[in-house]
Full PDB file with SEQRES, HELIX, SHEET, SSBOND, CRYST1, ORIGX, SCALE, CONECT and MASTER records, all heavy atoms in Angstrom:
SEQRES   1 A   31  SER GLY GLY GLY LEU VAL GLN PRO GLY GLY SER LEU ARG          
SEQRES   2 A   31  LEU SER CYS ALA ALA SER GLY ILE SER PHE SER THR HIS          
SEQRES   3 A   31  ASN MET ALA TRP TYR                                          
HELIX    1 AA1 PHE A   23  THR A   25  5                                   3    
CRYST1    1.000    1.000    1.000  90.00  90.00  90.00 P 1           1          
ORIGX1      1.000000  0.000000  0.000000        0.00000                         
ORIGX2      0.000000  1.000000  0.000000        0.00000                         
ORIGX3      0.000000  0.000000  1.000000        0.00000                         
SCALE1      1.000000  0.000000  0.000000        0.00000                         
SCALE2      0.000000  1.000000  0.000000        0.00000                         
SCALE3      0.000000  0.000000  1.000000        0.00000                         
ATOM      1  N   SER A   1      -4.216  -3.798  -0.666  1.00  0.00           N  
ATOM      2  CA  SER A   1      -5.619  -3.549  -0.560  1.00  0.00           C  
ATOM      3  C   SER A   1      -5.845  -2.049  -0.564  1.00  0.00           C  
ATOM      4  O   SER A   1      -5.014  -1.312  -0.388  1.00  0.00           O  
ATOM      5  CB  SER A   1      -6.279  -4.230   0.725  1.00  0.00           C  
ATOM      6  OG  SER A   1      -5.646  -3.656   1.863  1.00  0.00           O  
ATOM      7  N   GLY A   2      -7.208  -1.649  -0.738  1.00  0.00           N  
ATOM      8  CA  GLY A   2      -7.531  -0.308  -0.678  1.00  0.00           C  
ATOM      9  C   GLY A   2      -7.790   0.350  -2.023  1.00  0.00           C  
ATOM     10  O   GLY A   2      -8.159   1.591  -2.010  1.00  0.00           O  
ATOM     11  N   GLY A   3      -7.559  -0.242  -3.062  1.00  0.00           N  
ATOM     12  CA  GLY A   3      -7.725   0.331  -4.393  1.00  0.00           C  
ATOM     13  C   GLY A   3      -9.304   0.410  -4.649  1.00  0.00           C  
ATOM     14  O   GLY A   3     -10.043   0.045  -3.872  1.00  0.00           O  
ATOM     15  N   GLY A   4      -9.586   1.128  -5.825  1.00  0.00           N  
ATOM     16  CA  GLY A   4     -10.982   1.290  -6.147  1.00  0.00           C  
ATOM     17  C   GLY A   4     -11.151   2.399  -7.146  1.00  0.00           C  
ATOM     18  O   GLY A   4     -10.128   2.890  -7.754  1.00  0.00           O  
ATOM     19  N   LEU A   5     -12.425   2.831  -7.318  1.00  0.00           N  
ATOM     20  CA  LEU A   5     -12.810   3.954  -8.208  1.00  0.00           C  
ATOM     21  C   LEU A   5     -13.022   5.197  -7.367  1.00  0.00           C  
ATOM     22  O   LEU A   5     -13.671   5.117  -6.304  1.00  0.00           O  
ATOM     23  CB  LEU A   5     -14.081   3.551  -8.905  1.00  0.00           C  
ATOM     24  CG  LEU A   5     -14.716   4.659  -9.849  1.00  0.00           C  
ATOM     25  CD1 LEU A   5     -13.722   5.040 -10.990  1.00  0.00           C  
ATOM     26  CD2 LEU A   5     -16.039   4.176 -10.373  1.00  0.00           C  
ATOM     27  N   VAL A   6     -12.384   6.215  -7.798  1.00  0.00           N  
ATOM     28  CA  VAL A   6     -12.432   7.488  -7.084  1.00  0.00           C  
ATOM     29  C   VAL A   6     -12.573   8.630  -8.103  1.00  0.00           C  
ATOM     30  O   VAL A   6     -11.969   8.557  -9.211  1.00  0.00           O  
ATOM     31  CB  VAL A   6     -11.280   7.707  -6.126  1.00  0.00           C  
ATOM     32  CG1 VAL A   6      -9.978   7.846  -6.833  1.00  0.00           C  
ATOM     33  CG2 VAL A   6     -11.527   8.928  -5.185  1.00  0.00           C  
ATOM     34  N   GLN A   7     -13.225   9.707  -7.748  1.00  0.00           N  
ATOM     35  CA  GLN A   7     -13.305  10.872  -8.645  1.00  0.00           C  
ATOM     36  C   GLN A   7     -12.087  11.656  -8.594  1.00  0.00           C  
ATOM     37  O   GLN A   7     -11.374  11.668  -7.603  1.00  0.00           O  
ATOM     38  CB  GLN A   7     -14.527  11.730  -8.313  1.00  0.00           C  
ATOM     39  CG  GLN A   7     -15.919  11.113  -8.492  1.00  0.00           C  
ATOM     40  CD  GLN A   7     -17.047  12.007  -8.251  1.00  0.00           C  
ATOM     41  OE1 GLN A   7     -16.959  13.025  -7.574  1.00  0.00           O  
ATOM     42  NE2 GLN A   7     -18.190  11.615  -8.837  1.00  0.00           N  
ATOM     43  N   PRO A   8     -11.796  12.436  -9.640  1.00  0.00           N  
ATOM     44  CA  PRO A   8     -10.674  13.326  -9.646  1.00  0.00           C  
ATOM     45  C   PRO A   8     -10.743  14.266  -8.451  1.00  0.00           C  
ATOM     46  O   PRO A   8     -11.789  14.833  -8.073  1.00  0.00           O  
ATOM     47  CB  PRO A   8     -10.802  14.104 -10.963  1.00  0.00           C  
ATOM     48  CG  PRO A   8     -11.384  13.203 -11.792  1.00  0.00           C  
ATOM     49  CD  PRO A   8     -12.424  12.466 -11.047  1.00  0.00           C  
ATOM     50  N   GLY A   9      -9.577  14.443  -7.779  1.00  0.00           N  
ATOM     51  CA  GLY A   9      -9.567  15.283  -6.509  1.00  0.00           C  
ATOM     52  C   GLY A   9      -9.780  14.472  -5.284  1.00  0.00           C  
ATOM     53  O   GLY A   9      -9.516  15.045  -4.217  1.00  0.00           O  
ATOM     54  N   GLY A  10     -10.140  13.303  -5.400  1.00  0.00           N  
ATOM     55  CA  GLY A  10     -10.417  12.474  -4.267  1.00  0.00           C  
ATOM     56  C   GLY A  10      -9.236  11.796  -3.676  1.00  0.00           C  
ATOM     57  O   GLY A  10      -8.027  12.111  -4.114  1.00  0.00           O  
ATOM     58  N   SER A  11      -9.421  10.940  -2.640  1.00  0.00           N  
ATOM     59  CA  SER A  11      -8.319  10.371  -1.956  1.00  0.00           C  
ATOM     60  C   SER A  11      -8.515   8.854  -1.705  1.00  0.00           C  
ATOM     61  O   SER A  11      -9.719   8.376  -1.781  1.00  0.00           O  
ATOM     62  CB  SER A  11      -8.107  10.908  -0.553  1.00  0.00           C  
ATOM     63  OG  SER A  11      -7.908  12.351  -0.558  1.00  0.00           O  
ATOM     64  N   LEU A  12      -7.491   8.175  -1.644  1.00  0.00           N  
ATOM     65  CA  LEU A  12      -7.406   6.668  -1.332  1.00  0.00           C  
ATOM     66  C   LEU A  12      -6.244   6.399  -0.536  1.00  0.00           C  
ATOM     67  O   LEU A  12      -5.202   7.134  -0.614  1.00  0.00           O  
ATOM     68  CB  LEU A  12      -7.465   5.830  -2.643  1.00  0.00           C  
ATOM     69  CG  LEU A  12      -8.662   5.686  -3.482  1.00  0.00           C  
ATOM     70  CD1 LEU A  12      -8.325   4.821  -4.737  1.00  0.00           C  
ATOM     71  CD2 LEU A  12      -9.811   4.925  -2.658  1.00  0.00           C  
ATOM     72  N   ARG A  13      -6.413   5.340   0.420  1.00  0.00           N  
ATOM     73  CA  ARG A  13      -5.236   4.866   1.048  1.00  0.00           C  
ATOM     74  C   ARG A  13      -5.019   3.409   0.796  1.00  0.00           C  
ATOM     75  O   ARG A  13      -5.919   2.595   1.010  1.00  0.00           O  
ATOM     76  CB  ARG A  13      -5.432   5.115   2.636  1.00  0.00           C  
ATOM     77  CG  ARG A  13      -4.102   4.719   3.298  1.00  0.00           C  
ATOM     78  CD  ARG A  13      -4.126   5.062   4.806  1.00  0.00           C  
ATOM     79  NE  ARG A  13      -4.733   3.933   5.522  1.00  0.00           N  
ATOM     80  CZ  ARG A  13      -4.347   3.668   6.855  1.00  0.00           C  
ATOM     81  NH1 ARG A  13      -3.461   4.408   7.513  1.00  0.00           N  
ATOM     82  NH2 ARG A  13      -5.011   2.640   7.444  1.00  0.00           N  
ATOM     83  N   LEU A  14      -3.858   3.123   0.100  1.00  0.00           N  
ATOM     84  CA  LEU A  14      -3.565   1.772  -0.131  1.00  0.00           C  
ATOM     85  C   LEU A  14      -2.769   1.229   1.088  1.00  0.00           C  
ATOM     86  O   LEU A  14      -1.970   1.806   1.734  1.00  0.00           O  
ATOM     87  CB  LEU A  14      -2.635   1.664  -1.316  1.00  0.00           C  
ATOM     88  CG  LEU A  14      -3.236   2.287  -2.572  1.00  0.00           C  
ATOM     89  CD1 LEU A  14      -2.298   1.991  -3.793  1.00  0.00           C  
ATOM     90  CD2 LEU A  14      -4.644   1.754  -2.951  1.00  0.00           C  
ATOM     91  N   SER A  15      -2.989  -0.195   1.320  1.00  0.00           N  
ATOM     92  CA  SER A  15      -2.195  -0.845   2.322  1.00  0.00           C  
ATOM     93  C   SER A  15      -1.487  -2.120   1.709  1.00  0.00           C  
ATOM     94  O   SER A  15      -2.064  -2.568   0.707  1.00  0.00           O  
ATOM     95  CB  SER A  15      -3.136  -1.294   3.475  1.00  0.00           C  
ATOM     96  OG  SER A  15      -3.791  -0.346   4.076  1.00  0.00           O  
ATOM     97  N   CYS A  16      -0.435  -2.507   2.295  1.00  0.00           N  
ATOM     98  CA  CYS A  16       0.260  -3.653   1.834  1.00  0.00           C  
ATOM     99  C   CYS A  16       0.698  -4.388   3.115  1.00  0.00           C  
ATOM    100  O   CYS A  16       1.687  -3.911   3.795  1.00  0.00           O  
ATOM    101  CB  CYS A  16       1.426  -3.291   0.906  1.00  0.00           C  
ATOM    102  SG  CYS A  16       2.533  -4.684   0.586  1.00  0.00           S  
ATOM    103  N   ALA A  17       0.110  -5.495   3.329  1.00  0.00           N  
ATOM    104  CA  ALA A  17       0.539  -6.282   4.562  1.00  0.00           C  
ATOM    105  C   ALA A  17       1.519  -7.384   4.095  1.00  0.00           C  
ATOM    106  O   ALA A  17       1.229  -8.133   3.093  1.00  0.00           O  
ATOM    107  CB  ALA A  17      -0.759  -6.992   5.172  1.00  0.00           C  
ATOM    108  N   ALA A  18       2.556  -7.471   4.800  1.00  0.00           N  
ATOM    109  CA  ALA A  18       3.658  -8.392   4.524  1.00  0.00           C  
ATOM    110  C   ALA A  18       3.739  -9.523   5.563  1.00  0.00           C  
ATOM    111  O   ALA A  18       3.491  -9.300   6.773  1.00  0.00           O  
ATOM    112  CB  ALA A  18       5.011  -7.708   4.454  1.00  0.00           C  
ATOM    113  N   SER A  19       4.043 -10.726   5.088  1.00  0.00           N  
ATOM    114  CA  SER A  19       4.325 -11.846   5.991  1.00  0.00           C  
ATOM    115  C   SER A  19       5.406 -12.656   5.336  1.00  0.00           C  
ATOM    116  O   SER A  19       5.730 -12.620   4.177  1.00  0.00           O  
ATOM    117  CB  SER A  19       3.004 -12.693   6.100  1.00  0.00           C  
ATOM    118  OG  SER A  19       2.589 -13.192   4.917  1.00  0.00           O  
ATOM    119  N   GLY A  20       6.114 -13.367   6.319  1.00  0.00           N  
ATOM    120  CA  GLY A  20       7.138 -14.273   5.881  1.00  0.00           C  
ATOM    121  C   GLY A  20       8.542 -13.650   5.647  1.00  0.00           C  
ATOM    122  O   GLY A  20       9.491 -14.221   5.124  1.00  0.00           O  
ATOM    123  N   ILE A  21       8.641 -12.334   6.058  1.00  0.00           N  
ATOM    124  CA  ILE A  21       9.913 -11.612   5.955  1.00  0.00           C  
ATOM    125  C   ILE A  21      10.112 -10.851   7.200  1.00  0.00           C  
ATOM    126  O   ILE A  21       9.146 -10.594   7.909  1.00  0.00           O  
ATOM    127  CB  ILE A  21       9.954 -10.600   4.778  1.00  0.00           C  
ATOM    128  CG1 ILE A  21       8.794  -9.558   4.874  1.00  0.00           C  
ATOM    129  CG2 ILE A  21       9.910 -11.366   3.490  1.00  0.00           C  
ATOM    130  CD1 ILE A  21       8.897  -8.416   3.925  1.00  0.00           C  
ATOM    131  N   SER A  22      11.290 -10.493   7.477  1.00  0.00           N  
ATOM    132  CA  SER A  22      11.625  -9.566   8.588  1.00  0.00           C  
ATOM    133  C   SER A  22      11.328  -8.139   8.140  1.00  0.00           C  
ATOM    134  O   SER A  22      12.184  -7.349   7.576  1.00  0.00           O  
ATOM    135  CB  SER A  22      13.155  -9.669   9.034  1.00  0.00           C  
ATOM    136  OG  SER A  22      13.415  -8.772   9.993  1.00  0.00           O  
ATOM    137  N   PHE A  23      10.020  -7.747   8.338  1.00  0.00           N  
ATOM    138  CA  PHE A  23       9.592  -6.483   7.688  1.00  0.00           C  
ATOM    139  C   PHE A  23      10.437  -5.274   8.156  1.00  0.00           C  
ATOM    140  O   PHE A  23      10.672  -4.470   7.282  1.00  0.00           O  
ATOM    141  CB  PHE A  23       8.112  -6.264   8.154  1.00  0.00           C  
ATOM    142  CG  PHE A  23       7.443  -5.123   7.521  1.00  0.00           C  
ATOM    143  CD1 PHE A  23       6.940  -5.135   6.257  1.00  0.00           C  
ATOM    144  CD2 PHE A  23       7.323  -3.934   8.281  1.00  0.00           C  
ATOM    145  CE1 PHE A  23       6.374  -3.976   5.771  1.00  0.00           C  
ATOM    146  CE2 PHE A  23       6.744  -2.785   7.755  1.00  0.00           C  
ATOM    147  CZ  PHE A  23       6.291  -2.779   6.391  1.00  0.00           C  
ATOM    148  N   SER A  24      10.780  -5.173   9.313  1.00  0.00           N  
ATOM    149  CA  SER A  24      11.345  -3.888   9.845  1.00  0.00           C  
ATOM    150  C   SER A  24      12.803  -3.744   9.228  1.00  0.00           C  
ATOM    151  O   SER A  24      13.256  -2.649   9.264  1.00  0.00           O  
ATOM    152  CB  SER A  24      11.602  -3.965  11.365  1.00  0.00           C  
ATOM    153  OG  SER A  24      12.317  -5.037  11.696  1.00  0.00           O  
ATOM    154  N   THR A  25      13.373  -4.731   8.682  1.00  0.00           N  
ATOM    155  CA  THR A  25      14.721  -4.576   8.090  1.00  0.00           C  
ATOM    156  C   THR A  25      14.724  -4.351   6.584  1.00  0.00           C  
ATOM    157  O   THR A  25      15.723  -4.141   5.902  1.00  0.00           O  
ATOM    158  CB  THR A  25      15.600  -5.799   8.303  1.00  0.00           C  
ATOM    159  OG1 THR A  25      14.982  -6.923   7.647  1.00  0.00           O  
ATOM    160  CG2 THR A  25      15.675  -6.149   9.835  1.00  0.00           C  
ATOM    161  N   HIS A  26      13.471  -4.358   5.965  1.00  0.00           N  
ATOM    162  CA  HIS A  26      13.364  -4.309   4.451  1.00  0.00           C  
ATOM    163  C   HIS A  26      12.924  -2.821   4.106  1.00  0.00           C  
ATOM    164  O   HIS A  26      12.138  -2.223   4.710  1.00  0.00           O  
ATOM    165  CB  HIS A  26      12.228  -5.194   3.962  1.00  0.00           C  
ATOM    166  CG  HIS A  26      12.731  -6.558   3.755  1.00  0.00           C  
ATOM    167  ND1 HIS A  26      13.013  -7.463   4.769  1.00  0.00           N  
ATOM    168  CD2 HIS A  26      13.056  -7.274   2.627  1.00  0.00           C  
ATOM    169  CE1 HIS A  26      13.406  -8.615   4.225  1.00  0.00           C  
ATOM    170  NE2 HIS A  26      13.466  -8.495   2.933  1.00  0.00           N  
ATOM    171  N   ASN A  27      13.558  -2.320   3.094  1.00  0.00           N  
ATOM    172  CA  ASN A  27      13.139  -1.214   2.348  1.00  0.00           C  
ATOM    173  C   ASN A  27      11.911  -1.528   1.544  1.00  0.00           C  
ATOM    174  O   ASN A  27      11.784  -2.616   0.961  1.00  0.00           O  
ATOM    175  CB  ASN A  27      14.188  -0.584   1.428  1.00  0.00           C  
ATOM    176  CG  ASN A  27      15.457  -0.217   2.188  1.00  0.00           C  
ATOM    177  OD1 ASN A  27      15.362   0.270   3.307  1.00  0.00           O  
ATOM    178  ND2 ASN A  27      16.596  -0.238   1.502  1.00  0.00           N  
ATOM    179  N   MET A  28      10.856  -0.630   1.606  1.00  0.00           N  
ATOM    180  CA  MET A  28       9.660  -0.972   0.932  1.00  0.00           C  
ATOM    181  C   MET A  28       9.349   0.134  -0.071  1.00  0.00           C  
ATOM    182  O   MET A  28       9.881   1.327  -0.052  1.00  0.00           O  
ATOM    183  CB  MET A  28       8.451  -0.918   1.958  1.00  0.00           C  
ATOM    184  CG  MET A  28       8.622  -1.997   3.053  1.00  0.00           C  
ATOM    185  SD  MET A  28       8.595  -3.620   2.547  1.00  0.00           S  
ATOM    186  CE  MET A  28       6.923  -3.792   1.993  1.00  0.00           C  
ATOM    187  N   ALA A  29       8.573  -0.210  -1.132  1.00  0.00           N  
ATOM    188  CA  ALA A  29       8.218   0.719  -2.215  1.00  0.00           C  
ATOM    189  C   ALA A  29       6.874   0.436  -2.795  1.00  0.00           C  
ATOM    190  O   ALA A  29       6.349  -0.687  -2.643  1.00  0.00           O  
ATOM    191  CB  ALA A  29       9.294   0.631  -3.220  1.00  0.00           C  
ATOM    192  N   TRP A  30       6.352   1.492  -3.469  1.00  0.00           N  
ATOM    193  CA  TRP A  30       5.130   1.340  -4.241  1.00  0.00           C  
ATOM    194  C   TRP A  30       5.491   1.653  -5.680  1.00  0.00           C  
ATOM    195  O   TRP A  30       6.226   2.635  -5.964  1.00  0.00           O  
ATOM    196  CB  TRP A  30       4.009   2.277  -3.801  1.00  0.00           C  
ATOM    197  CG  TRP A  30       3.391   1.818  -2.494  1.00  0.00           C  
ATOM    198  CD1 TRP A  30       3.748   2.310  -1.257  1.00  0.00           C  
ATOM    199  CD2 TRP A  30       2.309   0.969  -2.373  1.00  0.00           C  
ATOM    200  NE1 TRP A  30       2.936   1.636  -0.327  1.00  0.00           N  
ATOM    201  CE2 TRP A  30       1.972   0.837  -0.956  1.00  0.00           C  
ATOM    202  CE3 TRP A  30       1.563   0.194  -3.212  1.00  0.00           C  
ATOM    203  CZ2 TRP A  30       1.001   0.149  -0.517  1.00  0.00           C  
ATOM    204  CZ3 TRP A  30       0.466  -0.541  -2.764  1.00  0.00           C  
ATOM    205  CH2 TRP A  30       0.247  -0.697  -1.374  1.00  0.00           C  
ATOM    206  N   TYR A  31       5.035   0.767  -6.636  1.00  0.00           N  
ATOM    207  CA  TYR A  31       5.156   1.013  -8.046  1.00  0.00           C  
ATOM    208  C   TYR A  31       3.791   0.994  -8.643  1.00  0.00           C  
ATOM    209  O   TYR A  31       2.842   0.659  -7.959  1.00  0.00           O  
ATOM    210  CB  TYR A  31       5.977  -0.200  -8.717  1.00  0.00           C  
ATOM    211  CG  TYR A  31       7.412  -0.203  -8.546  1.00  0.00           C  
ATOM    212  CD1 TYR A  31       8.026  -0.589  -7.275  1.00  0.00           C  
ATOM    213  CD2 TYR A  31       8.301   0.193  -9.486  1.00  0.00           C  
ATOM    214  CE1 TYR A  31       9.428  -0.668  -7.103  1.00  0.00           C  
ATOM    215  CE2 TYR A  31       9.665   0.124  -9.338  1.00  0.00           C  
ATOM    216  CZ  TYR A  31      10.193  -0.270  -8.208  1.00  0.00           C  
ATOM    217  OH  TYR A  31      11.618  -0.367  -7.957  1.00  0.00           O  
TER     218      TYR A  31                                                      
MASTER        0    0    0    1    0    0    0    6  217    1    0    3          
END                                                                             
């Protein structure tokens, strides 16, 4: 979540909520 339209120079924060896994033991990534 957190995507959208932003002007050049602006900021956004994306979030990714996980369930069904042992989150703390997983390496995470954004593509």
